[in-house]
Protein backbone atom coordinates (compact mmCIF):
# COMPACT_ATOMS: atom_id res chain seq x y z
CA MET A 1 -1.61 40.47 12.62
CA LYS A 2 -4.83 41.19 9.80
CA LYS A 3 -1.70 42.67 7.76
CA LEU A 4 0.60 39.82 8.46
CA LEU A 5 -2.08 37.22 7.17
CA LYS A 6 -2.66 39.17 4.18
CA ILE A 7 0.74 39.20 3.29
CA LEU A 8 1.24 35.53 4.22
CA SER A 9 -2.03 34.78 1.83
CA LYS A 10 -0.44 36.46 -0.93
CA VAL A 11 2.51 33.99 -1.17
CA GLY A 12 0.43 31.08 -0.42
CA PHE A 13 0.19 30.81 3.22
CA ASP A 14 -3.42 30.58 5.24
CA GLY A 15 -4.77 29.80 8.42
CA PHE A 16 -4.92 26.13 7.34
CA LEU A 17 -1.24 26.00 7.09
CA LEU A 18 -0.44 27.79 10.31
CA MET A 19 -3.07 25.25 12.03
CA ILE A 20 -0.96 22.33 10.69
CA GLY A 21 2.17 23.80 12.43
CA ALA A 22 -0.01 24.20 15.58
CA MET A 23 -1.12 20.73 15.50
CA ILE A 24 2.41 19.29 15.36
CA LEU A 25 3.63 21.70 18.03
CA LEU A 26 0.43 20.58 20.06
CA ALA A 27 1.42 16.87 19.78
CA TYR A 28 5.09 17.72 20.31
CA PHE A 29 3.98 19.28 23.84
CA PHE A 30 0.64 17.29 24.73
CA PRO A 31 0.95 13.94 23.11
CA GLN A 32 -1.38 12.03 25.43
CA PRO A 33 -4.74 13.13 24.44
CA GLY A 34 -3.74 11.64 20.79
CA MET A 35 -3.04 8.53 22.75
CA ILE A 36 -6.04 7.83 24.63
CA LYS A 37 -7.87 4.84 23.46
CA GLU A 38 -11.37 4.87 25.74
CA PRO A 39 -14.06 5.48 25.48
CA VAL A 40 -13.53 6.69 21.91
CA SER A 41 -10.20 7.93 20.55
CA LEU A 42 -9.42 10.43 18.10
CA GLU A 43 -8.07 7.91 15.57
CA ASP A 44 -11.62 6.17 15.50
CA ILE A 45 -13.28 9.61 15.15
CA ALA A 46 -10.89 10.37 12.31
CA SER A 47 -11.36 7.08 10.51
CA VAL A 48 -15.46 8.11 10.64
CA GLY A 49 -14.56 11.34 9.17
CA VAL A 50 -12.43 10.21 6.49
CA SER A 51 -15.40 8.33 5.00
CA PHE A 52 -17.88 11.57 5.29
CA ILE A 53 -14.86 13.73 3.58
CA PHE A 54 -15.31 11.63 0.47
CA LEU A 55 -18.97 11.19 0.61
CA PHE A 56 -19.30 14.99 0.54
CA TYR A 57 -16.87 15.10 -2.48
CA GLY A 58 -18.78 12.59 -4.02
CA LEU A 59 -22.12 14.89 -3.82
CA ARG A 60 -20.29 17.94 -5.37
CA LEU A 61 -19.09 15.55 -8.51
CA SER A 62 -21.60 14.61 -10.97
CA VAL A 63 -21.64 12.15 -13.89
CA GLU A 64 -22.29 14.97 -16.47
CA LYS A 65 -19.21 16.62 -15.61
CA LEU A 66 -17.05 13.48 -15.91
CA LYS A 67 -18.65 12.81 -19.08
CA THR A 68 -17.94 16.19 -20.37
CA GLY A 69 -14.39 16.15 -19.20
CA LEU A 70 -13.44 13.13 -21.08
CA ALA A 71 -12.99 15.01 -24.58
CA ASN A 72 -9.78 16.50 -24.08
CA TRP A 73 -8.10 12.91 -23.72
CA LYS A 74 -4.65 14.00 -24.61
CA MET A 75 -4.20 16.20 -21.94
CA HIS A 76 -5.92 14.39 -19.03
CA ILE A 77 -3.49 11.20 -20.10
CA VAL A 78 -0.56 13.72 -19.54
CA VAL A 79 -1.47 14.86 -16.27
CA GLN A 80 -2.41 11.35 -14.98
CA LEU A 81 0.86 9.96 -16.38
CA THR A 82 2.72 12.80 -14.51
CA THR A 83 0.89 12.45 -11.05
CA PHE A 84 1.24 8.63 -11.20
CA LEU A 85 4.02 7.70 -13.01
CA LEU A 86 6.86 10.87 -13.57
CA PHE A 87 6.57 11.63 -10.04
CA PRO A 88 7.26 7.94 -8.47
CA LEU A 89 10.09 7.68 -11.19
CA ILE A 90 11.90 10.70 -10.11
CA VAL A 91 11.83 9.80 -6.66
CA LEU A 92 12.75 6.01 -7.22
CA ALA A 93 15.90 7.62 -9.03
CA LEU A 94 16.70 9.62 -6.25
CA ARG A 95 16.47 6.61 -3.78
CA PRO A 96 20.38 6.09 -3.31
CA LEU A 97 20.60 9.41 -1.94
CA PHE A 98 18.51 8.66 1.04
CA VAL A 99 19.45 4.96 1.50
CA ASN A 100 22.98 5.58 1.59
CA ALA A 101 23.03 8.17 3.89
CA GLY A 102 20.67 6.65 6.34
CA PHE A 103 17.42 8.25 5.50
CA GLU A 104 15.25 5.14 4.56
CA LEU A 105 12.22 6.61 6.40
CA LEU A 106 12.30 10.10 4.75
CA TRP A 107 12.59 8.34 1.21
CA LEU A 108 9.69 6.39 2.20
CA GLY A 109 7.73 9.61 2.99
CA VAL A 110 8.79 11.18 0.11
CA PHE A 111 7.51 8.02 -2.20
CA PHE A 112 4.37 8.16 -0.63
CA LEU A 113 3.95 11.64 -1.64
CA ALA A 114 4.99 11.04 -5.09
CA ALA A 115 2.23 8.16 -5.43
CA LEU A 116 -0.51 10.25 -4.22
CA PRO A 117 -3.23 12.00 -6.35
CA SER A 118 -3.14 15.63 -7.44
CA THR A 119 -5.27 18.20 -5.56
CA VAL A 120 -8.62 19.24 -6.17
CA SER A 121 -9.24 22.55 -4.76
CA SER A 122 -5.92 24.09 -4.96
CA SER A 123 -5.12 23.12 -8.33
CA VAL A 124 -8.32 24.66 -9.62
CA VAL A 125 -7.82 27.80 -7.79
CA MET A 126 -4.47 28.23 -9.47
CA VAL A 127 -5.45 27.40 -12.82
CA SER A 128 -8.21 29.94 -12.38
CA ILE A 129 -5.72 32.56 -11.28
CA ALA A 130 -3.46 32.07 -14.07
CA LYS A 131 -6.41 31.62 -16.49
CA GLY A 132 -6.32 28.35 -17.68
CA ASN A 133 -8.94 25.58 -18.56
CA ILE A 134 -11.01 25.51 -15.50
CA PRO A 135 -13.31 22.72 -16.64
CA ALA A 136 -10.17 20.47 -17.53
CA ALA A 137 -8.50 21.24 -14.31
CA ILE A 138 -11.96 20.22 -12.28
CA PHE A 139 -11.96 16.78 -14.33
CA ASN A 140 -8.35 16.22 -13.87
CA ALA A 141 -8.62 17.03 -10.08
CA SER A 142 -11.63 14.68 -9.77
CA ILE A 143 -10.44 11.61 -11.83
CA SER A 144 -6.85 11.66 -10.40
CA SER A 145 -8.81 11.11 -6.73
CA LEU A 146 -10.62 8.22 -7.91
CA ILE A 147 -7.55 6.88 -9.82
CA GLY A 148 -5.43 7.11 -6.67
CA VAL A 149 -7.51 4.93 -4.49
CA VAL A 150 -5.90 2.04 -6.66
CA VAL A 151 -2.78 3.08 -7.95
CA THR A 152 -1.51 4.79 -4.73
CA PRO A 153 -1.51 1.83 -2.53
CA LEU A 154 -0.06 -0.49 -5.33
CA TRP A 155 2.96 1.72 -5.44
CA VAL A 156 3.34 2.28 -1.88
CA GLY A 157 3.01 -1.64 -1.45
CA LEU A 158 6.21 -2.20 -3.30
CA PHE A 159 8.47 -0.41 -0.73
CA ILE A 160 6.88 0.36 2.44
CA ALA A 161 5.75 -2.97 3.77
CA SER A 162 9.33 -3.39 5.11
CA ALA A 163 9.11 -0.50 7.45
CA THR A 164 5.41 -0.59 8.72
CA GLY A 165 5.18 -4.45 9.09
CA ASN A 166 2.04 -6.07 7.96
CA PHE A 167 1.05 -4.33 4.60
CA ASP A 168 -1.42 -6.74 2.92
CA ILE A 169 -2.43 -5.24 -0.60
CA ILE A 170 -5.40 -6.82 -0.87
CA THR A 171 -6.50 -5.68 2.70
CA ILE A 172 -5.80 -2.43 1.94
CA VAL A 173 -7.24 -1.85 -1.19
CA ILE A 174 -10.68 -3.51 0.27
CA LYS A 175 -10.37 -0.74 3.13
CA LEU A 176 -9.73 2.01 0.51
CA ILE A 177 -12.87 0.86 -1.25
CA PHE A 178 -15.17 0.95 1.66
CA GLN A 179 -13.74 3.99 3.20
CA VAL A 180 -13.02 5.76 0.05
CA LEU A 181 -14.17 4.72 -2.98
CA LEU A 182 -17.70 3.74 -1.81
CA PRO A 183 -18.29 6.85 -0.30
CA VAL A 184 -17.42 8.67 -3.34
CA ILE A 185 -19.54 6.57 -5.52
CA ILE A 186 -22.72 7.03 -2.67
CA GLY A 187 -22.34 10.66 -3.00
CA ILE A 188 -21.93 10.79 -7.20
CA SER A 189 -25.41 8.75 -7.08
CA LEU A 190 -26.96 11.31 -4.65
CA ASN A 191 -25.59 14.24 -6.76
CA SER A 192 -29.05 15.05 -8.52
CA ARG A 193 -31.03 15.22 -5.15
CA PHE A 194 -28.10 17.07 -2.85
CA GLY A 195 -25.56 18.14 -5.13
CA ALA A 196 -26.88 21.91 -4.90
CA MET A 197 -27.02 21.68 -0.97
CA ALA A 198 -23.56 20.41 -1.05
CA GLU A 199 -22.40 23.33 -3.41
CA LYS A 200 -24.17 25.98 -1.16
CA TYR A 201 -22.43 24.66 2.08
CA LYS A 202 -19.16 24.03 0.48
CA LYS A 203 -17.38 26.38 2.68
CA GLN A 204 -18.75 24.57 5.78
CA LEU A 205 -17.80 21.25 4.11
CA LYS A 206 -14.38 22.60 3.37
CA TYR A 207 -13.85 23.38 7.52
CA PHE A 208 -15.07 19.77 8.25
CA ASP A 209 -12.53 18.26 5.71
CA GLN A 210 -9.62 20.58 7.27
CA ALA A 211 -10.75 19.56 11.00
CA ILE A 212 -10.56 16.01 10.32
CA ILE A 213 -7.09 16.50 8.57
CA LEU A 214 -5.79 18.41 11.40
CA THR A 215 -7.14 15.35 13.58
CA ILE A 216 -4.92 12.96 11.92
CA ILE A 217 -1.98 14.99 11.75
CA TYR A 218 -2.10 15.58 15.36
CA THR A 219 -2.61 11.79 16.31
CA SER A 220 0.09 10.82 13.69
CA PHE A 221 2.65 12.98 15.36
CA CYS A 222 1.71 12.01 18.90
CA LYS A 223 2.63 8.52 18.20
CA SER A 224 6.08 9.73 16.42
CA PHE A 225 6.82 12.11 19.26
CA SER A 226 5.96 9.57 21.79
CA GLU A 227 8.40 7.16 20.40
CA ASN A 228 11.21 10.14 19.85
CA LEU A 229 11.41 8.82 15.95
CA PHE A 230 12.31 12.71 15.42
CA ASP A 231 15.33 12.70 17.66
CA SER A 232 17.55 11.28 15.03
CA PHE A 233 16.97 13.99 12.59
CA THR A 234 18.76 17.36 12.75
CA ALA A 235 17.26 21.10 12.06
CA LEU A 236 19.89 21.24 9.26
CA GLU A 237 18.49 17.98 7.74
CA LEU A 238 14.88 18.74 7.86
CA ALA A 239 15.79 22.07 5.96
CA GLY A 240 17.39 19.89 3.78
CA LEU A 241 14.47 17.71 2.94
CA ALA A 242 12.39 21.27 2.56
CA THR A 243 15.04 22.19 0.06
CA GLY A 244 14.52 18.76 -1.72
CA MET A 245 10.97 19.22 -1.69
CA MET A 246 10.99 22.45 -3.60
CA PHE A 247 13.63 21.03 -6.09
CA LEU A 248 10.75 17.96 -6.56
CA PHE A 249 8.53 20.81 -7.73
CA PHE A 250 10.25 22.35 -10.01
CA VAL A 251 11.62 19.50 -11.61
CA VAL A 252 8.07 18.04 -12.52
CA PHE A 253 7.03 21.52 -13.13
CA PHE A 254 9.70 22.01 -15.95
CA CYS A 255 9.21 18.51 -17.20
CA VAL A 256 5.50 18.94 -17.62
CA GLY A 257 6.08 22.59 -19.29
CA LEU A 258 8.45 21.03 -21.77
CA ILE A 259 6.03 17.93 -22.62
CA SER A 260 2.83 20.51 -23.18
CA ARG A 261 5.08 22.33 -25.52
CA LEU A 262 6.41 19.44 -27.56
CA LEU A 263 2.68 18.34 -27.55
CA GLY A 264 1.32 21.75 -29.07
CA PHE A 265 -0.95 22.19 -26.20
CA SER A 266 -2.78 25.89 -26.11
CA ASP A 267 -1.65 28.35 -23.37
CA GLU A 268 -4.85 27.55 -21.41
CA ASP A 269 -4.42 23.64 -21.82
CA ARG A 270 -0.54 24.20 -21.01
CA ILE A 271 -1.29 26.16 -17.60
CA THR A 272 -3.93 23.35 -16.46
CA VAL A 273 -1.55 20.65 -17.02
CA LEU A 274 1.38 22.71 -15.33
CA PHE A 275 -0.82 23.10 -12.13
CA CYS A 276 -2.58 19.85 -11.87
CA GLY A 277 0.47 17.86 -12.94
CA SER A 278 2.62 19.08 -10.21
CA LYS A 279 0.71 19.22 -7.09
CA LYS A 280 -0.13 16.67 -4.52
CA SER A 281 -2.95 16.49 -2.24
CA LEU A 282 -2.43 16.75 1.45
CA VAL A 283 -6.30 15.47 1.99
CA HIS A 284 -5.80 12.18 0.19
CA GLY A 285 -2.26 11.94 1.68
CA THR A 286 -3.53 12.27 5.25
CA VAL A 287 -6.62 10.29 4.80
CA MET A 288 -4.84 7.43 2.99
CA SER A 289 -2.20 7.43 5.50
CA LYS A 290 -4.94 6.58 7.91
CA VAL A 291 -5.85 3.56 6.33
CA LEU A 292 -2.43 2.63 4.74
CA PHE A 293 -0.38 2.86 8.08
CA GLN A 294 -2.98 2.41 10.85
CA HIS A 295 -1.30 2.08 14.17
CA SER A 296 1.95 2.89 12.54
CA SER A 297 4.10 4.94 14.82
CA ILE A 298 6.23 5.85 11.91
CA THR A 299 3.13 7.88 10.21
CA GLY A 300 4.38 11.14 11.48
CA ILE A 301 7.60 10.82 9.67
CA LEU A 302 6.12 9.59 6.26
CA LEU A 303 3.55 12.48 6.36
CA LEU A 304 6.49 15.17 6.98
CA PRO A 305 7.59 15.24 3.26
CA LEU A 306 3.94 15.89 2.24
CA MET A 307 3.28 18.43 4.56
CA LEU A 308 6.55 20.50 3.56
CA TYR A 309 5.78 19.90 0.12
CA HIS A 310 1.87 21.03 0.44
CA ALA A 311 3.32 24.15 1.83
CA LEU A 312 6.00 24.85 -0.67
CA GLN A 313 3.79 23.86 -3.45
CA LEU A 314 1.04 26.56 -2.45
CA ILE A 315 3.61 29.43 -2.17
CA ALA A 316 5.58 28.61 -5.21
CA ALA A 317 2.48 27.97 -7.35
CA SER A 318 0.40 30.98 -6.03
CA ILE A 319 3.65 33.20 -7.08
CA ILE A 320 4.09 31.29 -10.58
CA ALA A 321 -0.06 31.56 -11.42
CA GLN A 322 -0.27 35.34 -10.50
CA ARG A 323 2.65 35.90 -12.78
CA MET A 324 1.17 34.27 -15.45
CA ALA A 325 -1.94 36.04 -15.04
CA ARG A 326 -0.09 39.67 -15.12
CA ARG A 327 1.69 38.28 -18.62
CA LYS A 328 -1.79 37.54 -19.79
CA ASP A 329 -3.18 41.16 -18.83
CA GLU A 330 -0.08 43.05 -20.74
């Protein structure tokens, strides 16, 4: 088992990805615990946990880091435009392929994925492995999270209202401000006092983040499975979705690489743009789904493309980052 886990970790798999799969299986065979409302539901626990995730995230983010990161503005603009403009436009262009085939819900899930911020931890890790500009990666991942609080619901509100029912964009933004942005601001304001402690216990806080994410995934799939929403999809169709997610990753990766070369970025900056621009955050996706699609039974389907993309991007990015590192060492 240890050898198997070691092999899997080399290609991007880890225990957390395996736990995601376990939560989906658990929701399939035992959906009832995720549906219980009294005395306290797992959904309520997850909602509170979301705010703490972003509070702890803010604690590790200092104002000085943000100010320092603003210097390389051209690179930051490319990353953020890729994350919040190029991604959604590519998925919008592919919409006819889904709608005509009767896969509107899956397309909505892919579009939700496309509108999300970049990852924080895995982007920085991949940039570090490939020997890119690590400070710039930290800045871009951090600022992407803040921008996503506003931009993601604006994009999502254009199409998902028809599928989820009541989607009041003003109400959604207010919820995100109080549940996500405000905890981040409070955390940043407390960085000088508790930032060192948050860094010291970063590993433990990561486990807390993962526990909340797994809870959200479990409850979301409990609802979807209880209403048999996946019955209309065959294994071949889901395999096709996974192939499509890998295709999306490489299309964006190629486009970002081409833009970086045309703008004359250094190797270090190009590496940073490649990995920060092509990644999407499972953390933000799951916690935002908790606010954007609250009490919706289709959340499991909407999260499916994100979870597939998350797993595949880790595998692909890990292999590419290690190859880049080896080339630099030659």
